[in-house]
Protein backbone atom coordinates (compact mmCIF):
# COMPACT_ATOMS: atom_id res chain seq x y z
CA MET A 1 39.00 151.57 41.41
CA ARG A 2 42.79 151.62 40.93
CA HIS A 3 43.05 153.62 44.20
CA TRP A 4 41.38 150.85 46.26
CA TYR A 5 43.69 148.13 44.87
CA ALA A 6 46.70 150.33 45.78
CA VAL A 7 45.40 150.50 49.35
CA LEU A 8 45.11 146.74 49.50
CA TRP A 9 48.68 146.31 48.01
CA VAL A 10 50.12 148.58 50.70
CA VAL A 11 48.26 146.74 53.46
CA GLY A 12 49.60 143.42 52.16
CA LEU A 13 53.17 144.76 51.77
CA LEU A 14 53.21 146.06 55.35
CA GLY A 15 52.02 142.71 56.61
CA ALA A 16 54.78 140.87 54.69
CA CYS A 17 57.52 143.19 55.96
CA SER A 18 56.54 143.07 59.63
CA GLN A 19 58.81 141.01 61.88
CA GLU A 20 57.65 138.87 64.74
CA PRO A 21 59.58 139.23 68.03
CA GLN A 22 62.30 136.61 68.48
CA GLY A 23 61.09 133.44 70.12
CA LEU A 24 57.39 133.79 68.96
CA LYS A 25 55.84 131.79 66.18
CA PRO A 26 54.76 133.88 63.20
CA GLN A 27 50.91 134.43 62.93
CA VAL A 28 49.16 133.17 59.84
CA ALA A 29 47.37 136.06 58.13
CA VAL A 30 43.56 135.71 57.91
CA GLY A 31 42.20 135.97 54.37
CA ALA A 32 39.26 137.97 53.12
CA SER A 33 35.78 136.94 54.34
CA VAL A 34 32.41 138.70 54.16
CA THR A 35 29.09 137.66 55.71
CA MET A 36 25.65 139.23 55.59
CA GLU A 37 22.68 139.30 57.95
CA LYS A 38 19.22 140.75 57.35
CA THR A 39 15.89 141.27 59.03
CA ALA A 40 12.43 141.66 57.47
CA VAL A 41 9.67 143.06 59.68
CA PRO A 42 6.17 143.25 58.16
CA GLU A 43 3.78 146.03 59.11
CA PHE A 44 0.16 146.65 58.17
CA LYS A 45 -3.01 148.35 59.40
CA ARG A 46 -6.25 146.52 60.18
CA THR A 47 -9.47 148.55 60.17
CA TYR A 48 -12.72 147.05 61.46
CA HIS A 49 -16.15 147.77 60.03
CA TRP A 50 -19.03 146.84 62.36
CA THR A 51 -22.59 145.71 61.75
CA MET A 52 -25.30 145.21 64.37
CA GLU A 53 -28.49 143.17 64.56
CA LYS A 54 -30.97 143.03 67.43
CA LYS A 55 -33.56 140.30 68.03
CA VAL A 56 -36.22 139.53 70.59
CA THR A 57 -35.41 136.12 72.06
CA ASP A 58 -38.26 135.98 74.61
CA PRO A 59 -41.05 136.00 73.64
CA ALA A 60 -39.68 134.19 70.60
CA SER A 61 -42.71 135.23 68.54
CA GLY A 62 -42.16 138.90 69.38
CA THR A 63 -45.77 139.20 70.61
CA LEU A 64 -47.28 139.18 74.09
CA THR A 65 -50.75 138.88 75.54
CA LEU A 66 -50.80 140.38 79.02
CA ALA A 67 -53.36 141.03 81.69
CA PRO A 68 -53.58 144.60 83.03
CA GLY A 69 -50.80 145.13 85.55
CA GLN A 70 -48.96 141.95 84.57
CA SER A 71 -45.18 142.24 84.21
CA TYR A 72 -43.22 140.27 81.64
CA LEU A 73 -39.43 140.04 81.45
CA ALA A 74 -38.62 140.42 77.75
CA LYS A 75 -35.19 139.32 76.56
CA TYR A 76 -33.11 140.60 73.67
CA ALA A 77 -29.89 139.61 71.94
CA VAL A 78 -27.64 142.12 70.17
CA TYR A 79 -25.31 140.60 67.59
CA LEU A 80 -22.25 142.53 66.40
CA VAL A 81 -19.76 141.50 63.73
CA GLY A 82 -16.49 143.33 63.12
CA THR A 83 -15.10 142.60 59.66
CA PRO A 84 -11.45 143.52 59.08
CA THR A 85 -9.95 145.32 56.09
CA ASP A 86 -6.15 145.22 55.90
CA SER A 87 -4.13 148.00 54.25
CA ASP A 88 -0.85 149.94 54.29
CA PHE A 89 1.36 146.89 53.83
CA LYS A 90 5.04 147.52 54.40
CA VAL A 91 8.23 145.63 55.12
CA LYS A 92 11.23 147.19 56.82
CA GLY A 93 14.46 146.00 58.35
CA THR A 94 18.22 146.08 58.24
CA VAL A 95 20.93 144.51 56.12
CA THR A 96 24.24 144.13 57.93
CA ILE A 97 27.42 143.42 55.94
CA LYS A 98 30.31 142.16 58.11
CA ASN A 99 33.97 141.94 57.18
CA THR A 100 34.93 138.84 59.15
CA GLY A 101 38.36 138.50 57.50
CA GLY A 102 41.76 139.98 58.25
CA VAL A 103 42.03 142.40 55.31
CA ALA A 104 39.96 145.28 54.02
CA VAL A 105 37.46 144.47 51.29
CA ILE A 106 35.81 146.51 48.59
CA LEU A 107 31.99 146.27 48.58
CA GLN A 108 30.00 146.84 45.45
CA THR A 109 26.45 148.25 45.64
CA PRO A 110 24.32 145.69 47.51
CA SER A 111 20.95 144.63 46.13
CA ASP A 112 17.77 143.59 47.92
CA THR A 113 14.87 141.94 46.11
CA LEU A 114 11.58 140.31 47.01
CA SER A 115 10.33 136.95 45.76
CA THR A 116 7.46 138.78 44.04
CA GLY A 117 9.92 140.79 41.96
CA GLU A 118 10.08 144.14 43.74
CA ASN A 119 13.50 145.77 44.19
CA ILE A 120 14.13 147.39 47.57
CA ALA A 121 16.26 150.50 47.98
CA LEU A 122 18.84 150.20 50.76
CA ASN A 123 20.00 153.21 52.74
CA CYS A 124 23.58 152.48 53.76
CA GLY A 125 24.81 156.03 54.31
CA VAL A 126 27.96 155.51 52.16
CA THR A 127 28.96 155.65 48.51
CA PHE A 128 29.80 152.45 46.66
CA PRO A 129 32.27 150.95 45.89
CA TYR A 130 33.08 151.14 49.60
CA ALA A 131 36.17 149.93 51.47
CA LEU A 132 35.11 148.02 54.60
CA PRO A 133 38.03 147.58 57.05
CA ALA A 134 38.75 144.21 58.59
CA GLY A 135 36.49 143.36 61.54
CA GLN A 136 34.06 146.17 60.74
CA ALA A 137 30.37 146.06 59.71
CA LEU A 138 28.19 148.21 57.50
CA SER A 139 24.52 148.51 58.40
CA CYS A 140 21.89 149.43 55.83
CA THR A 141 18.20 150.09 56.48
CA TYR A 142 15.15 149.87 54.25
CA SER A 143 11.41 150.47 54.29
CA GLN A 144 9.28 149.33 51.36
CA ALA A 145 5.54 149.80 50.76
CA LEU A 146 3.82 146.78 49.22
CA PRO A 147 0.62 146.45 47.20
CA ASN A 148 -0.92 143.56 49.13
CA GLY A 149 -0.60 141.24 52.09
CA GLN A 150 1.04 138.34 50.28
CA GLY A 151 3.86 136.65 52.18
CA ARG A 152 7.28 137.04 50.63
CA THR A 153 10.96 136.15 50.89
CA ASN A 154 13.47 139.00 51.02
CA THR A 155 16.96 138.30 49.60
CA ALA A 156 19.96 140.66 49.88
CA THR A 157 23.33 140.15 48.13
CA VAL A 158 26.61 142.01 47.85
CA ASP A 159 29.67 141.40 45.68
CA TRP A 160 33.04 141.96 47.36
CA SER A 161 36.76 141.66 46.63
CA GLY A 162 39.97 141.96 48.62
CA GLY A 163 43.18 140.20 49.55
CA GLY A 164 43.32 138.64 46.13
CA GLN A 165 39.90 137.11 46.60
CA SER A 166 36.35 137.94 45.55
CA GLY A 167 32.92 136.58 46.27
CA THR A 168 29.27 137.23 46.95
CA ALA A 169 27.60 137.32 50.35
CA SER A 170 23.85 136.94 50.74
CA SER A 171 21.11 136.54 53.31
CA GLN A 172 17.39 135.77 53.21
CA ALA A 173 14.45 136.51 55.48
CA SER A 174 10.85 135.43 54.96
CA PHE A 175 7.86 137.32 56.33
CA ALA A 176 4.06 137.05 56.43
CA PHE A 177 1.36 139.56 57.32
CA THR A 178 -0.30 137.86 60.26
CA THR A 179 -0.46 140.29 63.18
CA PRO A 180 -1.36 143.91 62.43
CA THR A 181 0.89 146.62 63.82
CA GLN A 182 -2.00 149.09 63.91
CA VAL A 183 -5.64 148.31 64.66
CA VAL A 184 -8.40 150.84 64.05
CA ASP A 185 -11.82 150.36 65.69
CA GLY A 186 -10.90 146.94 67.02
CA SER A 187 -13.57 147.15 69.73
CA VAL A 188 -16.95 148.73 70.39
CA THR A 189 -19.02 149.81 73.36
CA VAL A 190 -22.72 148.96 73.36
CA SER A 191 -25.49 150.85 75.11
CA ASP A 192 -29.17 150.04 75.48
CA PRO A 193 -30.67 152.69 77.80
CA SER A 194 -34.09 151.03 78.19
CA ALA A 195 -32.75 147.55 79.01
CA THR A 196 -30.34 145.91 81.42
CA LEU A 197 -27.21 144.09 80.27
CA VAL A 198 -27.18 140.51 81.54
CA ASN A 199 -24.25 138.89 79.77
CA ALA A 200 -21.87 139.26 76.84
CA ILE A 201 -19.76 136.80 74.88
CA SER A 202 -17.20 137.37 72.14
CA GLY A 203 -14.88 135.49 69.81
CA ILE A 204 -12.50 136.00 66.92
CA THR A 205 -11.78 133.80 63.91
CA PRO A 206 -8.30 133.07 62.51
CA GLU A 207 -9.17 135.52 59.72
CA GLY A 208 -9.64 138.28 62.28
CA VAL A 209 -13.45 138.52 62.19
CA ILE A 210 -14.77 139.54 65.62
CA SER A 211 -18.18 138.42 66.84
CA GLN A 212 -19.84 139.80 69.96
CA THR A 213 -23.24 139.02 71.45
CA TYR A 214 -24.87 141.07 74.19
CA PHE A 215 -27.90 139.87 76.14
CA PHE A 216 -30.36 142.41 77.55
CA GLU A 217 -33.57 142.25 79.56
CA ARG A 218 -36.40 144.67 80.31
CA TRP A 219 -39.71 144.46 82.12
CA ILE A 220 -42.86 145.17 80.11
CA ARG A 221 -46.09 146.14 81.87
CA PHE A 222 -49.28 147.99 81.00
CA ASP A 223 -51.97 148.80 83.53
CA ARG A 224 -54.71 149.44 81.00
CA CYS A 225 -56.12 147.34 78.22
CA GLY A 226 -55.13 148.17 74.67
CA GLU A 227 -52.68 147.38 71.89
CA TYR A 228 -49.09 148.46 72.46
CA GLN A 229 -45.72 148.38 70.73
CA VAL A 230 -42.50 148.33 72.72
CA ASP A 231 -39.50 149.49 70.69
CA ASN A 232 -36.02 148.85 72.00
CA THR A 233 -32.86 150.27 70.39
CA ALA A 234 -29.22 149.42 71.03
CA THR A 235 -26.32 151.58 69.85
CA PHE A 236 -22.64 150.80 69.35
CA THR A 237 -19.69 153.21 69.27
CA THR A 238 -16.31 152.19 67.86
CA SER A 239 -13.18 152.66 69.94
CA ASP A 240 -11.10 154.89 67.65
CA THR A 241 -13.16 156.75 65.07
CA GLN A 242 -16.25 156.91 67.32
CA THR A 243 -18.36 155.59 64.47
CA GLN A 244 -21.88 154.73 65.60
CA GLY A 245 -24.57 152.32 64.49
CA SER A 246 -27.83 151.05 65.93
CA ALA A 247 -30.41 148.31 65.65
CA SER A 248 -33.93 148.00 67.02
CA ALA A 249 -36.33 145.24 67.98
CA THR A 250 -40.06 145.46 68.65
CA VAL A 251 -42.39 143.57 70.97
CA LYS A 252 -46.09 143.86 70.21
CA VAL A 253 -48.27 143.69 73.31
CA SER A 254 -51.99 143.02 73.51
CA VAL A 255 -53.82 143.71 76.77
CA PRO A 256 -57.37 142.46 76.05
CA CYS A 257 -60.16 144.85 76.98
CA GLU A 258 -62.88 142.18 76.69
CA GLY A 259 -62.55 138.86 78.47
CA GLY A 260 -58.98 139.34 79.62
CA CYS A 261 -56.61 136.38 79.78
CA THR A 262 -55.51 133.88 82.44
CA LEU A 263 -52.27 133.06 84.24
CA THR A 264 -51.09 129.83 85.83
CA GLN A 265 -50.79 129.11 89.53
CA GLY A 266 -47.01 129.18 88.99
CA TYR A 267 -47.28 132.84 88.01
CA TRP A 268 -49.35 133.80 91.03
CA LYS A 269 -46.99 131.94 93.39
CA THR A 270 -44.03 134.11 92.37
CA HIS A 271 -45.75 137.47 91.81
CA SER A 272 -47.05 138.13 95.32
CA ARG A 273 -45.59 140.82 97.55
CA TYR A 274 -43.13 138.19 98.76
CA GLY A 275 -41.59 137.89 95.28
CA PRO A 276 -39.28 136.87 93.84
CA ALA A 277 -40.91 138.26 90.67
CA PRO A 278 -42.40 141.77 90.42
CA TYR A 279 -45.52 142.27 92.51
CA ASP A 280 -48.88 141.85 90.79
CA ASP A 281 -51.26 144.02 92.81
CA THR A 282 -54.22 141.76 92.00
CA TRP A 283 -53.08 139.94 95.13
CA ALA A 284 -54.19 142.97 97.18
CA GLN A 285 -57.82 142.10 96.44
CA ILE A 286 -57.42 138.80 98.35
CA GLY A 287 -54.42 139.39 100.59
CA GLU A 288 -51.57 136.92 100.69
CA ASP A 289 -51.90 136.50 104.45
CA THR A 290 -55.69 136.05 104.46
CA LEU A 291 -56.77 132.76 106.06
CA PHE A 292 -57.68 130.18 103.43
CA PHE A 293 -61.06 128.81 104.59
CA GLN A 294 -60.53 126.28 107.45
CA SER A 295 -56.98 125.27 106.46
CA GLY A 296 -55.18 127.14 109.23
CA GLN A 297 -52.88 128.54 106.51
CA SER A 298 -52.84 131.73 104.50
CA TYR A 299 -53.57 131.85 100.79
CA TYR A 300 -49.85 132.32 100.19
CA GLN A 301 -48.89 129.37 102.40
CA VAL A 302 -51.41 127.07 100.77
CA LEU A 303 -50.16 127.99 97.30
CA TRP A 304 -46.59 127.14 98.31
CA THR A 305 -47.47 123.83 99.97
CA SER A 306 -46.52 120.86 97.81
CA PRO A 307 -49.65 118.71 97.17
CA LYS A 308 -47.86 115.33 97.18
CA GLY A 309 -51.05 113.75 95.85
CA ASN A 310 -53.33 115.46 98.38
CA ALA A 311 -56.61 116.30 96.61
CA TYR A 312 -57.19 119.29 98.92
CA TYR A 313 -54.01 121.10 97.86
CA ILE A 314 -54.31 120.04 94.23
CA LEU A 315 -57.70 121.74 94.05
CA ALA A 316 -56.65 124.67 96.26
CA HIS A 317 -53.76 125.67 93.99
CA GLN A 318 -55.96 125.86 90.89
CA TYR A 319 -58.81 127.52 92.80
CA ILE A 320 -56.57 130.35 94.09
CA ALA A 321 -55.11 130.94 90.63
CA ALA A 322 -58.59 131.00 89.05
CA LYS A 323 -59.90 133.47 91.64
CA LEU A 324 -56.93 135.77 91.05
CA ASN A 325 -57.43 135.54 87.28
CA ILE A 326 -61.07 136.55 87.63
CA LEU A 327 -60.15 139.44 89.91
CA ASN A 328 -57.60 140.46 87.25
CA GLY A 329 -60.33 140.77 84.63
CA ALA A 330 -60.48 137.33 83.01
CA SER A 331 -63.90 136.13 81.97
CA THR A 332 -65.15 132.66 82.92
CA THR A 333 -67.39 129.92 81.54
CA PRO A 334 -70.38 128.20 83.17
CA GLN A 335 -68.24 125.08 83.73
CA VAL A 336 -65.53 127.14 85.48
CA ASP A 337 -68.14 128.87 87.64
CA ALA A 338 -69.57 125.49 88.66
CA ALA A 339 -66.12 124.20 89.54
CA LEU A 340 -65.40 127.26 91.70
CA ALA A 341 -68.73 126.97 93.52
CA TRP A 342 -68.15 123.28 94.26
CA ALA A 343 -64.60 124.05 95.44
CA GLU A 344 -65.83 126.70 97.91
CA THR A 345 -68.33 124.25 99.41
CA PHE A 346 -65.51 121.67 99.63
CA PHE A 347 -63.12 124.05 101.41
CA ASN A 348 -65.88 125.12 103.85
CA THR A 349 -66.38 121.44 104.68
CA TYR A 350 -62.91 119.88 104.74
CA LYS A 351 -59.46 120.65 106.06
CA PRO A 352 -56.13 119.62 104.45
CA GLY A 353 -55.63 116.62 106.74
CA ASP A 354 -59.19 115.25 106.56
CA SER A 355 -59.76 111.79 105.13
CA LEU A 356 -61.76 111.91 101.90
CA ASP A 357 -63.85 109.14 100.39
CA LYS A 358 -62.86 108.07 96.91
CA ALA A 359 -65.77 109.82 95.16
CA THR A 360 -65.07 113.17 96.83
CA SER A 361 -61.32 112.91 96.19
CA ASN A 362 -61.89 112.09 92.51
CA GLN A 363 -64.37 114.95 92.13
CA ALA A 364 -61.92 117.41 93.71
CA LYS A 365 -59.16 116.32 91.31
CA ALA A 366 -61.52 116.50 88.32
CA TYR A 367 -62.52 120.09 89.12
CA ALA A 368 -58.83 120.91 89.73
CA ALA A 369 -58.06 119.63 86.22
CA LEU A 370 -60.83 121.83 84.75
CA LEU A 371 -59.54 124.90 86.58
CA ASP A 372 -55.98 124.03 85.47
CA ASP A 373 -57.21 124.08 81.85
CA TYR A 374 -58.83 127.45 82.53
CA ASN A 375 -55.69 128.90 84.12
CA ASN A 376 -53.60 127.62 81.18
CA GLY A 377 -55.97 129.13 78.63
CA LEU A 378 -57.28 125.84 77.23
CA VAL A 379 -60.80 126.91 78.14
CA GLY A 380 -62.06 130.42 78.74
CA PRO A 381 -60.59 133.62 77.31
CA GLY A 382 -57.11 132.29 76.63
CA HIS A 383 -53.73 132.38 78.30
CA CYS A 384 -51.62 135.44 79.05
CA SER A 385 -47.94 135.32 78.15
CA GLU A 386 -45.76 134.33 81.09
């Protein structure tokens, strides 16, 4: 210690003995001054653990009743949740001690502590006490592992002396563990080989929980009667560790062997060979382009003509649907058979533009209502899922 004070005495003596050139004003010597700066950079790892759930969203009940050859577009939702676990907490940074005065100073061993009580070891690359020349800086580094992700304040101090003065310099830096510096399995890929991806949405909470929902579709069809089970499995694979998981959903399908089931005129409109829905080959037994009685239009054209209150078209729509249902295997009732027979006599007698008396118009609409009930499953064998 006595050596460092001798150095300072010599530096001061040389300054006092120096002479300014004649004609210049003497410079005022700058005293001792020390400042400190520090940084505190938090680091931590975030690892995601994923869970998956799969549900049938359409049909909501998870069960279907289909006619042979009928196609149904089943819909599924796959829900994934990524839950984060944070670990490997660390803070690192630098402590810079600057001699901002005009004389050398002696630095004692600096200290660095956290507000939670931990002492941090500084690596300054020198031995203390250390003489820091005027205008020079000493940079120290540190890296400290921490037990948890609690936010903290980091305070560094150093005692110094020189030029007949002494003091303490300090600096603080606060830090919080908000953004991970390493993310493991922060995303997943999802596959569902037997279904088609339609859409996906995702979100993340302030706590870092990731939610993802994938929407899939697949067509279900059976050409023979029976009881079936359609299993559908989705699989996820994480981005880093390639961890996999899966979830399944089941649709139970009944294709009645006795009595069949019925479909609405809306179904038959869209499932012809003209689409837009998958073709139901029951249409082949009538032919979409076959002339509908004396209408001058095909079966397909009549079905797509808006009734606008016209009793002819109101009855025609339900008649066509009922005939297709019967051809598709649906049983009937005596009342339905009577309605169909009356309708065929009506269509062989009238054309769409003919004027109808009130009694005939009302009767046509009444039989249309009965056939509508049949096509919707309110009477007869029951309704197929659509």
